[in-house]
Amino acid sequence: MFNTLNEKLQSVFKKMRGEARITEDNIKEAIRQVKMAMLEADVNYKVV
């Protein structure tokens, strides 16, 4: 569970580092991906 969550979070941050510019849309997408990764890892939805 933690390995999968770790991999997904690393993927999100790697993608953000690869962006030429950080925009509001990029940040919103990253937050969405982090939330989905946490939910998939069975983190309580109240925490997310």
Protein backbone atom coordinates (compact mmCIF):
# COMPACT_ATOMS: atom_id res chain seq x y z
CA MET A 1 0.00 0.00 0.00
CA PHE A 2 2.70 2.51 0.97
CA ASN A 3 4.89 1.53 -1.97
CA THR A 4 2.08 2.20 -4.42
CA LEU A 5 1.24 5.52 -2.79
CA ASN A 6 4.91 6.48 -2.78
CA GLU A 7 5.27 5.64 -6.48
CA LYS A 8 2.19 7.63 -7.44
CA LEU A 9 3.28 10.66 -5.43
CA GLN A 10 6.75 10.52 -6.95
CA SER A 11 5.14 10.39 -10.39
CA VAL A 12 3.05 13.49 -9.67
CA PHE A 13 6.05 15.49 -8.47
CA LYS A 14 8.24 14.27 -11.33
CA LYS A 15 5.62 15.47 -13.78
CA MET A 16 5.46 18.86 -12.03
CA ARG A 17 9.24 19.22 -12.23
CA GLY A 18 9.06 18.48 -15.95
CA GLU A 19 6.67 21.34 -16.66
CA ALA A 20 8.19 24.39 -18.33
CA ARG A 21 5.91 26.65 -16.30
CA ILE A 22 3.90 26.03 -13.18
CA THR A 23 0.36 27.21 -13.75
CA GLU A 24 -2.81 27.12 -11.71
CA ASP A 25 -4.10 24.33 -13.96
CA ASN A 26 -0.93 22.27 -13.38
CA ILE A 27 -1.33 22.65 -9.63
CA LYS A 28 -5.01 21.72 -9.74
CA GLU A 29 -4.20 18.59 -11.74
CA ALA A 30 -1.40 17.63 -9.33
CA ILE A 31 -3.72 18.06 -6.35
CA ARG A 32 -6.35 15.92 -8.08
CA GLN A 33 -3.80 13.18 -8.72
CA VAL A 34 -2.56 13.28 -5.12
CA LYS A 35 -6.13 12.99 -3.83
CA MET A 36 -6.81 10.03 -6.12
CA ALA A 37 -3.59 8.31 -5.06
CA MET A 38 -4.52 8.75 -1.40
CA LEU A 39 -8.03 7.41 -1.94
CA GLU A 40 -6.67 4.42 -3.86
CA ALA A 41 -4.35 3.76 -0.90
CA ASP A 42 -7.42 3.62 1.38
CA VAL A 43 -6.68 6.86 3.19
CA ASN A 44 -9.85 8.01 4.93
CA TYR A 45 -11.80 10.35 2.66
CA LYS A 46 -12.12 12.87 5.50
CA VAL A 47 -8.33 13.25 5.46
CA VAL A 48 -8.28 13.73 1.71
